[in-house]
N, C-alpha and C. Protein backbone atom coordinates (compact mmCIF):
# COMPACT_ATOMS: atom_id res chain seq x y z
N MET A 1 16.25 -3.68 2.84
CA MET A 1 15.22 -4.48 3.40
C MET A 1 14.01 -4.52 2.28
N GLU A 2 13.61 -5.70 2.09
CA GLU A 2 12.65 -5.97 1.04
C GLU A 2 11.35 -6.06 1.72
N ILE A 3 10.22 -5.59 1.20
CA ILE A 3 8.87 -5.59 1.72
C ILE A 3 8.10 -6.75 0.90
N LYS A 4 7.70 -7.80 1.73
CA LYS A 4 7.06 -8.78 1.00
C LYS A 4 5.54 -8.42 0.74
N THR A 5 5.08 -8.74 -0.30
CA THR A 5 3.63 -8.44 -0.62
C THR A 5 2.91 -9.85 -0.73
N ILE A 6 1.58 -9.78 -0.73
CA ILE A 6 0.82 -10.94 -0.86
C ILE A 6 0.49 -11.33 -2.40
N GLY A 7 1.32 -12.14 -2.98
CA GLY A 7 0.92 -12.65 -4.36
C GLY A 7 1.30 -11.71 -5.45
N VAL A 8 1.75 -10.46 -5.05
CA VAL A 8 2.14 -9.36 -6.12
C VAL A 8 3.49 -8.81 -5.95
N THR A 9 4.27 -8.81 -6.97
CA THR A 9 5.58 -8.30 -6.94
C THR A 9 5.51 -6.74 -6.60
N ASN A 10 6.48 -6.32 -5.71
CA ASN A 10 6.50 -4.85 -5.42
C ASN A 10 6.93 -4.03 -6.78
N PRO A 11 6.02 -3.03 -7.14
CA PRO A 11 6.27 -2.40 -8.33
C PRO A 11 7.61 -1.45 -8.19
N PHE A 12 7.91 -1.11 -7.04
CA PHE A 12 9.10 -0.35 -6.82
C PHE A 12 10.31 -0.98 -6.14
N ASN A 13 10.35 -2.40 -6.28
CA ASN A 13 11.39 -3.05 -5.60
C ASN A 13 12.56 -3.22 -6.65
N LEU A 14 13.75 -2.48 -6.36
CA LEU A 14 14.84 -2.38 -7.35
C LEU A 14 15.53 -3.78 -7.32
N ASN A 15 15.28 -4.70 -6.51
CA ASN A 15 15.99 -5.96 -6.56
C ASN A 15 15.15 -7.00 -7.19
N SER A 16 14.21 -6.73 -7.98
CA SER A 16 13.37 -7.64 -8.53
C SER A 16 14.07 -8.30 -9.87
N GLN A 17 13.54 -9.55 -10.31
CA GLN A 17 14.24 -10.17 -11.35
C GLN A 17 14.20 -9.35 -12.62
N THR A 18 13.19 -8.37 -12.99
CA THR A 18 13.31 -7.74 -14.29
C THR A 18 14.32 -6.73 -14.11
N THR A 19 14.77 -6.14 -13.05
CA THR A 19 15.79 -5.13 -13.06
C THR A 19 17.24 -5.93 -12.93
N LYS A 20 17.19 -7.13 -12.42
CA LYS A 20 18.41 -7.74 -12.28
C LYS A 20 18.86 -8.17 -13.74
N THR A 21 17.96 -8.44 -14.64
CA THR A 21 18.32 -8.82 -15.90
C THR A 21 18.86 -7.59 -16.85
N ASN A 22 18.21 -6.50 -16.40
CA ASN A 22 18.64 -5.17 -16.98
C ASN A 22 20.06 -4.68 -16.53
N ASN A 23 20.48 -5.12 -15.35
CA ASN A 23 21.69 -4.54 -14.69
C ASN A 23 22.80 -5.34 -15.33
N LYS A 24 22.56 -6.50 -15.74
CA LYS A 24 23.67 -7.28 -16.60
C LYS A 24 24.08 -6.43 -17.73
N ASP A 25 23.32 -5.72 -18.41
CA ASP A 25 23.62 -4.86 -19.52
C ASP A 25 24.11 -3.58 -19.15
N ASP A 26 23.99 -3.16 -17.91
CA ASP A 26 24.34 -1.85 -17.40
C ASP A 26 23.67 -0.67 -18.23
N ASN A 27 22.50 -1.01 -18.81
CA ASN A 27 21.66 -0.16 -19.48
C ASN A 27 20.22 0.15 -18.78
N VAL A 28 20.16 0.43 -17.63
CA VAL A 28 18.82 0.50 -17.00
C VAL A 28 18.36 1.98 -17.23
N ASP A 29 17.47 2.21 -17.92
CA ASP A 29 16.94 3.48 -18.28
C ASP A 29 15.81 3.71 -17.37
N PHE A 30 16.10 5.04 -16.80
CA PHE A 30 15.08 5.43 -15.71
C PHE A 30 13.81 5.59 -16.20
N GLY A 31 13.52 5.99 -17.39
CA GLY A 31 12.25 6.22 -18.02
C GLY A 31 11.46 4.86 -18.07
N THR A 32 12.33 3.84 -18.62
CA THR A 32 11.71 2.46 -18.68
C THR A 32 11.31 1.92 -17.26
N LEU A 33 12.18 2.20 -16.36
CA LEU A 33 11.86 1.70 -14.99
C LEU A 33 10.61 2.40 -14.49
N LEU A 34 10.53 3.77 -14.59
CA LEU A 34 9.47 4.55 -14.10
C LEU A 34 8.21 4.05 -14.94
N SER A 35 8.27 3.86 -16.14
CA SER A 35 7.09 3.38 -16.83
C SER A 35 6.62 2.07 -16.44
N ASN A 36 7.55 1.15 -16.15
CA ASN A 36 7.12 -0.22 -15.75
C ASN A 36 6.38 -0.19 -14.25
N ALA A 37 6.95 0.66 -13.45
CA ALA A 37 6.29 0.91 -12.21
C ALA A 37 4.91 1.58 -12.21
N LEU A 38 4.86 2.40 -13.08
CA LEU A 38 3.49 3.09 -13.23
C LEU A 38 2.47 2.13 -13.88
N ASP A 39 2.88 1.30 -14.87
CA ASP A 39 1.96 0.19 -15.44
C ASP A 39 1.59 -0.69 -14.35
N LYS A 40 2.55 -1.18 -13.36
CA LYS A 40 2.08 -2.07 -12.35
C LYS A 40 1.13 -1.38 -11.31
N VAL A 41 1.32 -0.09 -11.06
CA VAL A 41 0.34 0.53 -10.22
C VAL A 41 -0.99 0.66 -11.00
N ASN A 42 -1.10 0.91 -12.18
CA ASN A 42 -2.20 0.89 -12.93
C ASN A 42 -2.93 -0.34 -13.05
N GLU A 43 -2.08 -1.42 -13.19
CA GLU A 43 -2.62 -2.78 -13.11
C GLU A 43 -3.40 -3.13 -11.90
N LEU A 44 -2.61 -2.72 -10.71
CA LEU A 44 -3.36 -2.95 -9.41
C LEU A 44 -4.65 -2.31 -9.24
N GLU A 45 -4.75 -0.99 -9.82
CA GLU A 45 -5.94 -0.23 -9.73
C GLU A 45 -7.06 -0.91 -10.57
N MET A 46 -6.69 -1.30 -11.73
CA MET A 46 -7.70 -2.03 -12.63
C MET A 46 -8.12 -3.26 -12.08
N GLN A 47 -7.31 -4.14 -11.32
CA GLN A 47 -7.62 -5.30 -10.79
C GLN A 47 -8.68 -4.99 -9.61
N SER A 48 -8.33 -3.97 -8.76
CA SER A 48 -9.27 -3.49 -7.67
C SER A 48 -10.68 -3.15 -8.21
N ASN A 49 -10.65 -2.47 -9.39
CA ASN A 49 -11.92 -2.12 -9.97
C ASN A 49 -12.70 -3.45 -10.42
N GLU A 50 -11.99 -4.34 -10.94
CA GLU A 50 -12.60 -5.49 -11.37
C GLU A 50 -13.24 -6.20 -10.22
N TYR A 51 -12.44 -6.34 -9.22
CA TYR A 51 -12.99 -7.03 -7.92
C TYR A 51 -14.20 -6.33 -7.33
N LYS A 52 -14.24 -4.92 -7.42
CA LYS A 52 -15.41 -4.23 -7.00
C LYS A 52 -16.69 -4.44 -7.89
N LYS A 53 -16.33 -4.59 -9.23
CA LYS A 53 -17.51 -4.92 -10.03
C LYS A 53 -18.09 -6.27 -9.85
N LEU A 54 -17.22 -7.22 -9.60
CA LEU A 54 -17.64 -8.64 -9.29
C LEU A 54 -18.39 -8.66 -8.03
N LEU A 55 -17.99 -7.82 -7.07
CA LEU A 55 -18.85 -7.80 -5.68
C LEU A 55 -19.99 -7.17 -5.89
N ALA A 56 -20.11 -6.06 -6.75
CA ALA A 56 -21.45 -5.40 -6.92
C ALA A 56 -22.47 -6.37 -7.81
N THR A 57 -21.90 -7.10 -8.49
CA THR A 57 -22.84 -8.03 -9.40
C THR A 57 -23.13 -9.33 -8.63
N GLY A 58 -22.42 -9.56 -7.62
CA GLY A 58 -22.73 -10.89 -6.78
C GLY A 58 -21.96 -11.97 -7.26
N ASP A 59 -21.00 -11.79 -8.18
CA ASP A 59 -20.15 -12.95 -8.68
C ASP A 59 -18.99 -13.38 -7.72
N ILE A 60 -18.68 -12.53 -6.83
CA ILE A 60 -17.76 -12.96 -5.77
C ILE A 60 -18.46 -12.77 -4.41
N ASP A 61 -18.10 -13.71 -3.59
CA ASP A 61 -18.66 -13.46 -2.09
C ASP A 61 -17.57 -13.15 -1.16
N ASN A 62 -16.43 -13.32 -1.50
CA ASN A 62 -15.38 -13.05 -0.48
C ASN A 62 -14.98 -11.58 -0.36
N LEU A 63 -15.45 -10.82 0.56
CA LEU A 63 -15.20 -9.44 0.81
C LEU A 63 -13.74 -9.20 1.02
N HIS A 64 -13.10 -10.16 1.64
CA HIS A 64 -11.77 -10.04 2.00
C HIS A 64 -10.86 -9.80 0.82
N ASP A 65 -10.99 -10.55 -0.40
CA ASP A 65 -10.21 -10.31 -1.47
C ASP A 65 -10.46 -8.88 -2.14
N VAL A 66 -11.57 -8.43 -2.10
CA VAL A 66 -12.03 -7.15 -2.61
C VAL A 66 -11.22 -6.02 -1.85
N THR A 67 -11.27 -6.12 -0.32
CA THR A 67 -10.69 -5.19 0.51
C THR A 67 -9.11 -5.26 0.23
N ILE A 68 -8.58 -6.34 0.10
CA ILE A 68 -7.17 -6.58 -0.01
C ILE A 68 -6.77 -6.00 -1.25
N ALA A 69 -7.48 -6.24 -2.40
CA ALA A 69 -6.97 -5.70 -3.67
C ALA A 69 -7.25 -4.16 -3.65
N ALA A 70 -8.33 -3.56 -3.02
CA ALA A 70 -8.37 -2.02 -2.95
C ALA A 70 -7.32 -1.49 -2.08
N GLU A 71 -6.94 -2.19 -1.05
CA GLU A 71 -5.75 -1.70 -0.24
C GLU A 71 -4.42 -1.57 -0.95
N LYS A 72 -4.19 -2.68 -1.62
CA LYS A 72 -2.94 -2.75 -2.56
C LYS A 72 -2.95 -1.64 -3.52
N ALA A 73 -3.94 -1.50 -4.10
CA ALA A 73 -4.08 -0.31 -5.09
C ALA A 73 -3.88 1.00 -4.41
N ASN A 74 -4.52 1.07 -3.25
CA ASN A 74 -4.42 2.46 -2.42
C ASN A 74 -2.95 2.74 -2.06
N ILE A 75 -2.23 1.70 -1.47
CA ILE A 75 -0.87 1.80 -0.99
C ILE A 75 -0.07 2.11 -2.22
N ALA A 76 -0.15 1.32 -3.30
CA ALA A 76 0.82 1.59 -4.42
C ALA A 76 0.54 3.09 -4.98
N LEU A 77 -0.57 3.59 -5.01
CA LEU A 77 -0.96 4.92 -5.44
C LEU A 77 -0.36 5.95 -4.45
N GLN A 78 -0.29 5.72 -3.05
CA GLN A 78 0.15 6.50 -2.18
C GLN A 78 1.59 6.54 -2.25
N LEU A 79 2.31 5.44 -2.54
CA LEU A 79 3.71 5.49 -2.77
C LEU A 79 4.18 6.19 -3.99
N THR A 80 3.35 5.80 -5.06
CA THR A 80 3.63 6.61 -6.21
C THR A 80 3.55 8.25 -6.06
N LEU A 81 2.62 8.81 -5.37
CA LEU A 81 2.43 10.16 -5.10
C LEU A 81 3.50 10.69 -4.34
N SER A 82 4.04 9.80 -3.30
CA SER A 82 5.07 10.22 -2.34
C SER A 82 6.37 10.37 -3.09
N ILE A 83 6.63 9.50 -4.07
CA ILE A 83 7.80 9.58 -4.78
C ILE A 83 7.69 10.74 -5.73
N ARG A 84 6.50 10.90 -6.41
CA ARG A 84 6.50 12.25 -7.19
C ARG A 84 6.59 13.49 -6.41
N ASN A 85 6.15 13.52 -5.19
CA ASN A 85 6.29 14.79 -4.38
C ASN A 85 7.76 14.92 -4.08
N LYS A 86 8.47 13.85 -3.75
CA LYS A 86 9.94 14.00 -3.39
C LYS A 86 10.70 14.44 -4.72
N VAL A 87 10.28 13.89 -5.73
CA VAL A 87 11.08 14.43 -6.97
C VAL A 87 10.78 15.88 -7.31
N VAL A 88 9.61 16.26 -7.11
CA VAL A 88 9.16 17.75 -7.36
C VAL A 88 9.88 18.63 -6.25
N GLU A 89 10.02 18.16 -5.07
CA GLU A 89 10.72 19.04 -4.04
C GLU A 89 12.28 19.03 -4.41
N ALA A 90 12.86 18.01 -4.88
CA ALA A 90 14.23 18.07 -5.24
C ALA A 90 14.51 18.94 -6.52
N TYR A 91 13.56 18.89 -7.39
CA TYR A 91 13.68 19.66 -8.59
C TYR A 91 13.45 21.27 -8.17
N GLN A 92 12.64 21.52 -7.25
CA GLN A 92 12.53 22.90 -6.82
C GLN A 92 13.66 23.36 -5.95
N GLU A 93 14.36 22.36 -5.16
CA GLU A 93 15.52 22.69 -4.50
C GLU A 93 16.66 23.06 -5.41
N ILE A 94 16.77 22.20 -6.55
CA ILE A 94 17.82 22.37 -7.48
C ILE A 94 17.58 23.80 -8.19
N MET A 95 16.38 24.15 -8.46
CA MET A 95 16.13 25.39 -9.10
C MET A 95 16.32 26.60 -8.21
N ARG A 96 16.37 26.37 -6.91
CA ARG A 96 16.65 27.55 -6.08
C ARG A 96 18.14 27.72 -5.81
N MET A 97 18.96 26.80 -6.35
CA MET A 97 20.25 26.99 -6.13
C MET A 97 20.94 28.13 -7.02
N GLN A 98 21.80 28.84 -6.48
CA GLN A 98 22.47 29.82 -7.30
C GLN A 98 23.74 29.40 -7.99
N VAL A 99 23.86 29.61 -9.26
CA VAL A 99 25.10 29.15 -10.01
C VAL A 99 26.01 30.15 -10.06
């Protein structure tokens, strides 16, 4: 199930066009995928900060755009932290296994 976003591609959508082109080569690097996702989350955060600056200076009047940008950045950050926590939990579980 794909979650649709408003005007922004989902940074963690594995069915996006960028990963489809990489799947043709069968060389999808996890580090590259993770780096791209983190770059998109950072881009959303910077866009949110830019909207906040424009609102503070009075260059933008539409509060809805500012709120939407801030919420997008917040949700992307929450998703990133959730994935990080799951990876850490999985690592800790693997380290508890006896060989």
